[in-house]
Amino acid sequence: MSPLWLVLAAVAVWALIRLGRQGERAGRGHWRVTATLFSAVMFAGGLLALFKGSWVLGGGLVAASLWLTVASRQRAVAPRAEGMTDGEARAILGVSADASKAQINAAWKKVMARAHPDQGGTQGLAARVNAARDHLLKR
């Protein structure tokens, strides 16, 4: 295997990781499937290289495929209301500092209509909106 193929494989792994770290926006959920398929191909190539006697290349490909599989399956923890400031919560819901409970709930309903996963949003975004509402209602 020439060094050019190794460089191309490294660029592909880097691109998949960068794509995955862009967040949980709509249309970005399929990168995990792509990363898993790519890591399976890398694993098979690594095993083939190991059987042909190329220990360094085979071991590197197997290790990289296992790392990519683990890295692509890690998900961010949902935000909690305790770690959010008043300013962040107000910015997410778009309410003023003196908003009443009714205004906070109305803003939450409006934002959640767009942020809900069934409406094209993501689970992470919906969790942040819920955490913002909980934080403001708790104070």
N, C-alpha and C. Protein backbone atom coordinates (compact mmCIF):
# COMPACT_ATOMS: atom_id res chain seq x y z
N MET A 1 0.85 -1.17 0.00
CA MET A 1 0.00 0.00 0.00
C MET A 1 0.90 1.24 0.00
N SER A 2 0.63 2.15 -0.88
CA SER A 2 1.50 3.32 -0.98
C SER A 2 1.15 4.35 0.08
N PRO A 3 2.09 5.23 0.38
CA PRO A 3 1.82 6.28 1.39
C PRO A 3 0.67 7.20 0.99
N LEU A 4 0.41 7.32 -0.31
CA LEU A 4 -0.69 8.17 -0.76
C LEU A 4 -2.03 7.64 -0.25
N TRP A 5 -2.21 6.33 -0.26
CA TRP A 5 -3.45 5.74 0.24
C TRP A 5 -3.60 5.94 1.73
N LEU A 6 -2.48 5.87 2.44
CA LEU A 6 -2.52 6.11 3.88
C LEU A 6 -2.91 7.55 4.18
N VAL A 7 -2.39 8.49 3.41
CA VAL A 7 -2.74 9.90 3.60
C VAL A 7 -4.22 10.12 3.29
N LEU A 8 -4.70 9.52 2.22
CA LEU A 8 -6.12 9.66 1.88
C LEU A 8 -7.01 9.05 2.97
N ALA A 9 -6.62 7.92 3.52
CA ALA A 9 -7.39 7.31 4.61
C ALA A 9 -7.38 8.20 5.84
N ALA A 10 -6.24 8.80 6.15
CA ALA A 10 -6.16 9.70 7.31
C ALA A 10 -7.04 10.92 7.11
N VAL A 11 -7.07 11.46 5.90
CA VAL A 11 -7.94 12.61 5.61
C VAL A 11 -9.41 12.21 5.75
N ALA A 12 -9.76 11.02 5.30
CA ALA A 12 -11.15 10.56 5.41
C ALA A 12 -11.54 10.40 6.87
N VAL A 13 -10.67 9.84 7.69
CA VAL A 13 -10.97 9.69 9.12
C VAL A 13 -11.12 11.06 9.76
N TRP A 14 -10.22 11.98 9.45
CA TRP A 14 -10.29 13.33 10.00
C TRP A 14 -11.61 14.00 9.59
N ALA A 15 -12.01 13.85 8.33
CA ALA A 15 -13.25 14.48 7.85
C ALA A 15 -14.47 13.90 8.57
N LEU A 16 -14.49 12.60 8.80
CA LEU A 16 -15.62 11.99 9.51
C LEU A 16 -15.70 12.49 10.94
N ILE A 17 -14.57 12.61 11.61
CA ILE A 17 -14.58 13.09 12.99
C ILE A 17 -15.02 14.55 13.03
N ARG A 18 -14.54 15.37 12.12
CA ARG A 18 -14.95 16.78 12.07
C ARG A 18 -16.45 16.89 11.79
N LEU A 19 -16.95 16.06 10.91
CA LEU A 19 -18.37 16.08 10.59
C LEU A 19 -19.19 15.71 11.82
N GLY A 20 -18.72 14.76 12.57
CA GLY A 20 -19.44 14.33 13.76
C GLY A 20 -19.40 15.35 14.87
N ARG A 21 -18.36 16.13 14.97
CA ARG A 21 -18.25 17.12 16.04
C ARG A 21 -18.97 18.42 15.72
N GLN A 22 -19.60 18.52 14.58
CA GLN A 22 -20.33 19.74 14.24
C GLN A 22 -21.64 19.84 14.99
N GLY A 23 -22.03 18.80 15.66
CA GLY A 23 -23.23 18.88 16.49
C GLY A 23 -24.34 18.00 15.99
N GLU A 24 -25.44 18.11 16.68
CA GLU A 24 -26.59 17.25 16.42
C GLU A 24 -27.65 18.00 15.62
N ARG A 25 -27.23 18.76 14.66
CA ARG A 25 -28.21 19.49 13.84
C ARG A 25 -28.93 18.53 12.90
N ALA A 26 -30.02 19.02 12.34
CA ALA A 26 -30.78 18.20 11.40
C ALA A 26 -29.91 17.85 10.20
N GLY A 27 -29.99 16.63 9.73
CA GLY A 27 -29.23 16.20 8.58
C GLY A 27 -27.82 15.74 8.91
N ARG A 28 -27.43 15.74 10.17
CA ARG A 28 -26.08 15.35 10.56
C ARG A 28 -26.06 14.00 11.27
N GLY A 29 -27.19 13.35 11.40
CA GLY A 29 -27.26 12.11 12.16
C GLY A 29 -26.69 10.91 11.43
N HIS A 30 -26.52 10.96 10.12
CA HIS A 30 -26.07 9.80 9.37
C HIS A 30 -24.57 9.65 9.34
N TRP A 31 -23.84 10.60 9.90
CA TRP A 31 -22.38 10.48 9.89
C TRP A 31 -21.92 9.30 10.72
N ARG A 32 -22.67 8.95 11.76
CA ARG A 32 -22.28 7.82 12.59
C ARG A 32 -22.33 6.52 11.80
N VAL A 33 -23.33 6.37 10.95
CA VAL A 33 -23.44 5.17 10.13
C VAL A 33 -22.27 5.13 9.15
N THR A 34 -21.97 6.26 8.54
CA THR A 34 -20.85 6.33 7.60
C THR A 34 -19.54 6.01 8.30
N ALA A 35 -19.35 6.56 9.49
CA ALA A 35 -18.12 6.30 10.24
C ALA A 35 -18.01 4.82 10.60
N THR A 36 -19.11 4.19 10.96
CA THR A 36 -19.08 2.78 11.31
C THR A 36 -18.76 1.91 10.08
N LEU A 37 -19.36 2.23 8.96
CA LEU A 37 -19.06 1.48 7.73
C LEU A 37 -17.60 1.67 7.33
N PHE A 38 -17.12 2.89 7.43
CA PHE A 38 -15.73 3.17 7.08
C PHE A 38 -14.78 2.42 8.02
N SER A 39 -15.12 2.39 9.29
CA SER A 39 -14.26 1.67 10.24
C SER A 39 -14.30 0.17 9.99
N ALA A 40 -15.43 -0.36 9.53
CA ALA A 40 -15.49 -1.79 9.19
C ALA A 40 -14.58 -2.10 8.01
N VAL A 41 -14.56 -1.22 7.02
CA VAL A 41 -13.67 -1.41 5.87
C VAL A 41 -12.22 -1.31 6.31
N MET A 42 -11.92 -0.35 7.19
CA MET A 42 -10.56 -0.22 7.71
C MET A 42 -10.15 -1.46 8.49
N PHE A 43 -11.06 -2.00 9.28
CA PHE A 43 -10.77 -3.20 10.07
C PHE A 43 -10.47 -4.37 9.15
N ALA A 44 -11.28 -4.54 8.10
CA ALA A 44 -11.05 -5.63 7.15
C ALA A 44 -9.72 -5.45 6.44
N GLY A 45 -9.41 -4.22 6.05
CA GLY A 45 -8.12 -3.96 5.41
C GLY A 45 -6.97 -4.22 6.35
N GLY A 46 -7.14 -3.88 7.62
CA GLY A 46 -6.11 -4.15 8.61
C GLY A 46 -5.88 -5.64 8.80
N LEU A 47 -6.97 -6.40 8.86
CA LEU A 47 -6.82 -7.85 8.99
C LEU A 47 -6.13 -8.46 7.77
N LEU A 48 -6.49 -7.97 6.59
CA LEU A 48 -5.84 -8.44 5.37
C LEU A 48 -4.35 -8.14 5.39
N ALA A 49 -4.01 -6.92 5.82
CA ALA A 49 -2.60 -6.55 5.90
C ALA A 49 -1.86 -7.40 6.94
N LEU A 50 -2.52 -7.70 8.05
CA LEU A 50 -1.89 -8.56 9.06
C LEU A 50 -1.64 -9.97 8.52
N PHE A 51 -2.60 -10.52 7.78
CA PHE A 51 -2.42 -11.85 7.22
C PHE A 51 -1.34 -11.89 6.15
N LYS A 52 -1.11 -10.76 5.47
CA LYS A 52 -0.06 -10.70 4.46
C LYS A 52 1.31 -10.41 5.06
N GLY A 53 1.34 -10.15 6.37
CA GLY A 53 2.63 -9.97 7.03
C GLY A 53 3.02 -8.53 7.28
N SER A 54 2.19 -7.59 6.95
CA SER A 54 2.49 -6.18 7.19
C SER A 54 1.94 -5.81 8.57
N TRP A 55 2.76 -6.04 9.59
CA TRP A 55 2.30 -5.90 10.96
C TRP A 55 2.03 -4.45 11.35
N VAL A 56 2.88 -3.56 10.94
CA VAL A 56 2.71 -2.14 11.32
C VAL A 56 1.47 -1.55 10.67
N LEU A 57 1.34 -1.75 9.37
CA LEU A 57 0.18 -1.21 8.65
C LEU A 57 -1.11 -1.86 9.14
N GLY A 58 -1.11 -3.17 9.28
CA GLY A 58 -2.30 -3.89 9.73
C GLY A 58 -2.71 -3.50 11.14
N GLY A 59 -1.73 -3.43 12.02
CA GLY A 59 -2.03 -3.02 13.39
C GLY A 59 -2.55 -1.60 13.47
N GLY A 60 -1.96 -0.73 12.65
CA GLY A 60 -2.42 0.67 12.62
C GLY A 60 -3.85 0.80 12.11
N LEU A 61 -4.16 0.06 11.06
CA LEU A 61 -5.53 0.11 10.52
C LEU A 61 -6.54 -0.48 11.49
N VAL A 62 -6.20 -1.58 12.13
CA VAL A 62 -7.12 -2.18 13.10
C VAL A 62 -7.33 -1.22 14.28
N ALA A 63 -6.25 -0.64 14.79
CA ALA A 63 -6.37 0.30 15.91
C ALA A 63 -7.17 1.54 15.51
N ALA A 64 -6.92 2.07 14.31
CA ALA A 64 -7.65 3.25 13.86
C ALA A 64 -9.13 2.93 13.67
N SER A 65 -9.44 1.75 13.17
CA SER A 65 -10.85 1.40 12.97
C SER A 65 -11.58 1.25 14.30
N LEU A 66 -10.90 0.66 15.27
CA LEU A 66 -11.53 0.52 16.59
C LEU A 66 -11.73 1.89 17.24
N TRP A 67 -10.73 2.76 17.12
CA TRP A 67 -10.86 4.11 17.67
C TRP A 67 -12.00 4.88 17.00
N LEU A 68 -12.09 4.79 15.66
CA LEU A 68 -13.15 5.49 14.94
C LEU A 68 -14.53 4.98 15.34
N THR A 69 -14.65 3.68 15.55
CA THR A 69 -15.94 3.12 15.97
C THR A 69 -16.34 3.66 17.33
N VAL A 70 -15.41 3.68 18.26
CA VAL A 70 -15.73 4.19 19.60
C VAL A 70 -16.01 5.68 19.55
N ALA A 71 -15.20 6.45 18.83
CA ALA A 71 -15.38 7.91 18.77
C ALA A 71 -16.69 8.29 18.09
N SER A 72 -17.12 7.52 17.12
CA SER A 72 -18.35 7.87 16.41
C SER A 72 -19.60 7.50 17.21
N ARG A 73 -19.47 6.64 18.19
CA ARG A 73 -20.62 6.22 18.98
C ARG A 73 -20.81 7.02 20.26
N GLN A 74 -19.88 7.87 20.61
CA GLN A 74 -20.04 8.66 21.82
C GLN A 74 -20.97 9.83 21.54
N ARG A 75 -21.92 10.02 22.42
CA ARG A 75 -22.87 11.11 22.29
C ARG A 75 -22.68 12.08 23.43
N ALA A 76 -23.01 13.32 23.16
CA ALA A 76 -22.91 14.34 24.19
C ALA A 76 -24.00 14.12 25.23
N VAL A 77 -23.69 14.42 26.45
CA VAL A 77 -24.66 14.30 27.53
C VAL A 77 -25.65 15.46 27.43
N ALA A 78 -26.90 15.17 27.66
CA ALA A 78 -27.92 16.21 27.59
C ALA A 78 -27.65 17.28 28.65
N PRO A 79 -27.80 18.54 28.30
CA PRO A 79 -27.52 19.60 29.26
C PRO A 79 -28.51 19.60 30.41
N ARG A 80 -28.03 19.99 31.56
CA ARG A 80 -28.89 20.06 32.73
C ARG A 80 -29.19 21.52 33.04
N ALA A 81 -30.30 21.74 33.68
CA ALA A 81 -30.70 23.09 34.02
C ALA A 81 -29.76 23.70 35.05
N GLU A 82 -29.09 22.88 35.87
CA GLU A 82 -28.23 23.42 36.92
C GLU A 82 -27.01 24.12 36.34
N GLY A 83 -26.50 23.65 35.21
CA GLY A 83 -25.30 24.22 34.63
C GLY A 83 -25.56 25.41 33.72
N MET A 84 -26.76 25.88 33.65
CA MET A 84 -27.13 26.94 32.74
C MET A 84 -27.33 28.24 33.51
N THR A 85 -26.85 29.34 32.96
CA THR A 85 -27.05 30.64 33.60
C THR A 85 -28.40 31.22 33.17
N ASP A 86 -28.83 32.24 33.92
CA ASP A 86 -30.09 32.90 33.57
C ASP A 86 -30.02 33.50 32.17
N GLY A 87 -28.89 34.11 31.85
CA GLY A 87 -28.74 34.74 30.53
C GLY A 87 -28.82 33.74 29.40
N GLU A 88 -28.18 32.58 29.58
CA GLU A 88 -28.24 31.54 28.55
C GLU A 88 -29.67 31.04 28.37
N ALA A 89 -30.35 30.82 29.47
CA ALA A 89 -31.72 30.31 29.40
C ALA A 89 -32.64 31.33 28.73
N ARG A 90 -32.48 32.61 29.08
CA ARG A 90 -33.32 33.64 28.44
C ARG A 90 -33.01 33.76 26.96
N ALA A 91 -31.73 33.63 26.59
CA ALA A 91 -31.35 33.72 25.18
C ALA A 91 -31.93 32.56 24.37
N ILE A 92 -31.94 31.37 24.95
CA ILE A 92 -32.47 30.22 24.24
C ILE A 92 -33.97 30.38 23.99
N LEU A 93 -34.69 30.85 25.01
CA LEU A 93 -36.14 31.00 24.87
C LEU A 93 -36.55 32.34 24.27
N GLY A 94 -35.64 33.30 24.31
CA GLY A 94 -35.95 34.62 23.75
C GLY A 94 -36.91 35.42 24.61
N VAL A 95 -36.74 35.35 25.92
CA VAL A 95 -37.60 36.11 26.83
C VAL A 95 -36.77 37.15 27.57
N SER A 96 -37.45 38.12 28.14
CA SER A 96 -36.77 39.17 28.89
C SER A 96 -36.51 38.70 30.32
N ALA A 97 -35.76 39.51 31.05
CA ALA A 97 -35.38 39.15 32.43
C ALA A 97 -36.59 39.13 33.36
N ASP A 98 -37.60 39.92 33.06
CA ASP A 98 -38.77 39.99 33.93
C ASP A 98 -39.97 39.20 33.37
N ALA A 99 -39.70 38.15 32.61
CA ALA A 99 -40.78 37.36 32.01
C ALA A 99 -41.53 36.57 33.07
N SER A 100 -42.83 36.50 32.90
CA SER A 100 -43.65 35.73 33.84
C SER A 100 -43.63 34.25 33.44
N LYS A 101 -44.22 33.41 34.30
CA LYS A 101 -44.28 31.98 34.01
C LYS A 101 -45.08 31.72 32.73
N ALA A 102 -46.13 32.47 32.54
CA ALA A 102 -46.94 32.29 31.33
C ALA A 102 -46.14 32.66 30.08
N GLN A 103 -45.34 33.74 30.15
CA GLN A 103 -44.53 34.14 29.01
C GLN A 103 -43.42 33.11 28.74
N ILE A 104 -42.84 32.58 29.80
CA ILE A 104 -41.80 31.57 29.64
C ILE A 104 -42.38 30.32 28.98
N ASN A 105 -43.55 29.88 29.44
CA ASN A 105 -44.18 28.70 28.85
C ASN A 105 -44.60 28.94 27.41
N ALA A 106 -45.08 30.15 27.09
CA ALA A 106 -45.46 30.46 25.71
C ALA A 106 -44.23 30.47 24.80
N ALA A 107 -43.13 31.05 25.30
CA ALA A 107 -41.89 31.06 24.51
C ALA A 107 -41.35 29.65 24.33
N TRP A 108 -41.43 28.83 25.39
CA TRP A 108 -40.97 27.45 25.30
C TRP A 108 -41.77 26.70 24.24
N LYS A 109 -43.08 26.88 24.24
CA LYS A 109 -43.94 26.19 23.27
C LYS A 109 -43.59 26.59 21.84
N LYS A 110 -43.32 27.88 21.65
CA LYS A 110 -42.99 28.39 20.31
C LYS A 110 -41.64 27.83 19.84
N VAL A 111 -40.64 27.86 20.71
CA VAL A 111 -39.32 27.37 20.34
C VAL A 111 -39.33 25.85 20.18
N MET A 112 -40.05 25.16 21.05
CA MET A 112 -40.10 23.70 20.99
C MET A 112 -40.80 23.22 19.72
N ALA A 113 -41.70 24.02 19.18
CA ALA A 113 -42.37 23.63 17.94
C ALA A 113 -41.36 23.49 16.80
N ARG A 114 -40.25 24.22 16.88
CA ARG A 114 -39.20 24.11 15.85
C ARG A 114 -38.07 23.19 16.27
N ALA A 115 -37.83 23.05 17.57
CA ALA A 115 -36.68 22.30 18.06
C ALA A 115 -36.97 20.82 18.29
N HIS A 116 -38.22 20.43 18.29
CA HIS A 116 -38.57 19.04 18.57
C HIS A 116 -38.06 18.13 17.45
N PRO A 117 -37.54 16.95 17.81
CA PRO A 117 -37.02 16.04 16.78
C PRO A 117 -38.05 15.64 15.73
N ASP A 118 -39.31 15.59 16.09
CA ASP A 118 -40.35 15.25 15.11
C ASP A 118 -40.61 16.38 14.12
N GLN A 119 -40.15 17.57 14.44
CA GLN A 119 -40.37 18.73 13.58
C GLN A 119 -39.09 19.18 12.86
N GLY A 120 -38.08 18.33 12.86
CA GLY A 120 -36.84 18.67 12.16
C GLY A 120 -35.73 19.12 13.08
N GLY A 121 -36.01 19.22 14.37
CA GLY A 121 -34.96 19.56 15.33
C GLY A 121 -34.19 18.32 15.75
N THR A 122 -33.44 18.45 16.82
CA THR A 122 -32.67 17.32 17.31
C THR A 122 -32.96 17.09 18.78
N GLN A 123 -32.57 15.93 19.27
CA GLN A 123 -32.77 15.63 20.68
C GLN A 123 -31.95 16.56 21.56
N GLY A 124 -30.74 16.87 21.13
CA GLY A 124 -29.89 17.76 21.91
C GLY A 124 -30.46 19.16 22.02
N LEU A 125 -30.98 19.67 20.91
CA LEU A 125 -31.58 21.01 20.93
C LEU A 125 -32.85 21.03 21.78
N ALA A 126 -33.67 20.00 21.66
CA ALA A 126 -34.88 19.94 22.47
C ALA A 126 -34.54 19.84 23.96
N ALA A 127 -33.47 19.12 24.28
CA ALA A 127 -33.05 19.01 25.68
C ALA A 127 -32.58 20.36 26.21
N ARG A 128 -31.89 21.13 25.38
CA ARG A 128 -31.44 22.47 25.81
C ARG A 128 -32.63 23.40 26.04
N VAL A 129 -33.62 23.32 25.17
CA VAL A 129 -34.82 24.16 25.33
C VAL A 129 -35.55 23.77 26.61
N ASN A 130 -35.69 22.48 26.86
CA ASN A 130 -36.34 22.05 28.09
C ASN A 130 -35.55 22.46 29.32
N ALA A 131 -34.22 22.36 29.24
CA ALA A 131 -33.39 22.76 30.37
C ALA A 131 -33.51 24.27 30.63
N ALA A 132 -33.62 25.05 29.56
CA ALA A 132 -33.77 26.51 29.72
C ALA A 132 -35.10 26.83 30.40
N ARG A 133 -36.16 26.18 29.98
CA ARG A 133 -37.46 26.40 30.60
C ARG A 133 -37.44 25.99 32.06
N ASP A 134 -36.89 24.83 32.36
CA ASP A 134 -36.83 24.37 33.75
C ASP A 134 -36.02 25.32 34.61
N HIS A 135 -34.92 25.84 34.08
CA HIS A 135 -34.08 26.75 34.84
C HIS A 135 -34.82 28.05 35.16
N LEU A 136 -35.51 28.59 34.16
CA LEU A 136 -36.22 29.86 34.40
C LEU A 136 -37.44 29.68 35.29
N LEU A 137 -38.11 28.56 35.21
CA LEU A 137 -39.28 28.35 36.06
C LEU A 137 -38.89 28.03 37.50
N LYS A 138 -37.68 27.50 37.68
CA LYS A 138 -37.23 27.12 39.00
C LYS A 138 -36.80 28.34 39.83
N ARG A 139 -36.37 29.39 39.18
CA ARG A 139 -35.83 30.54 39.92
C ARG A 139 -36.90 31.37 40.58
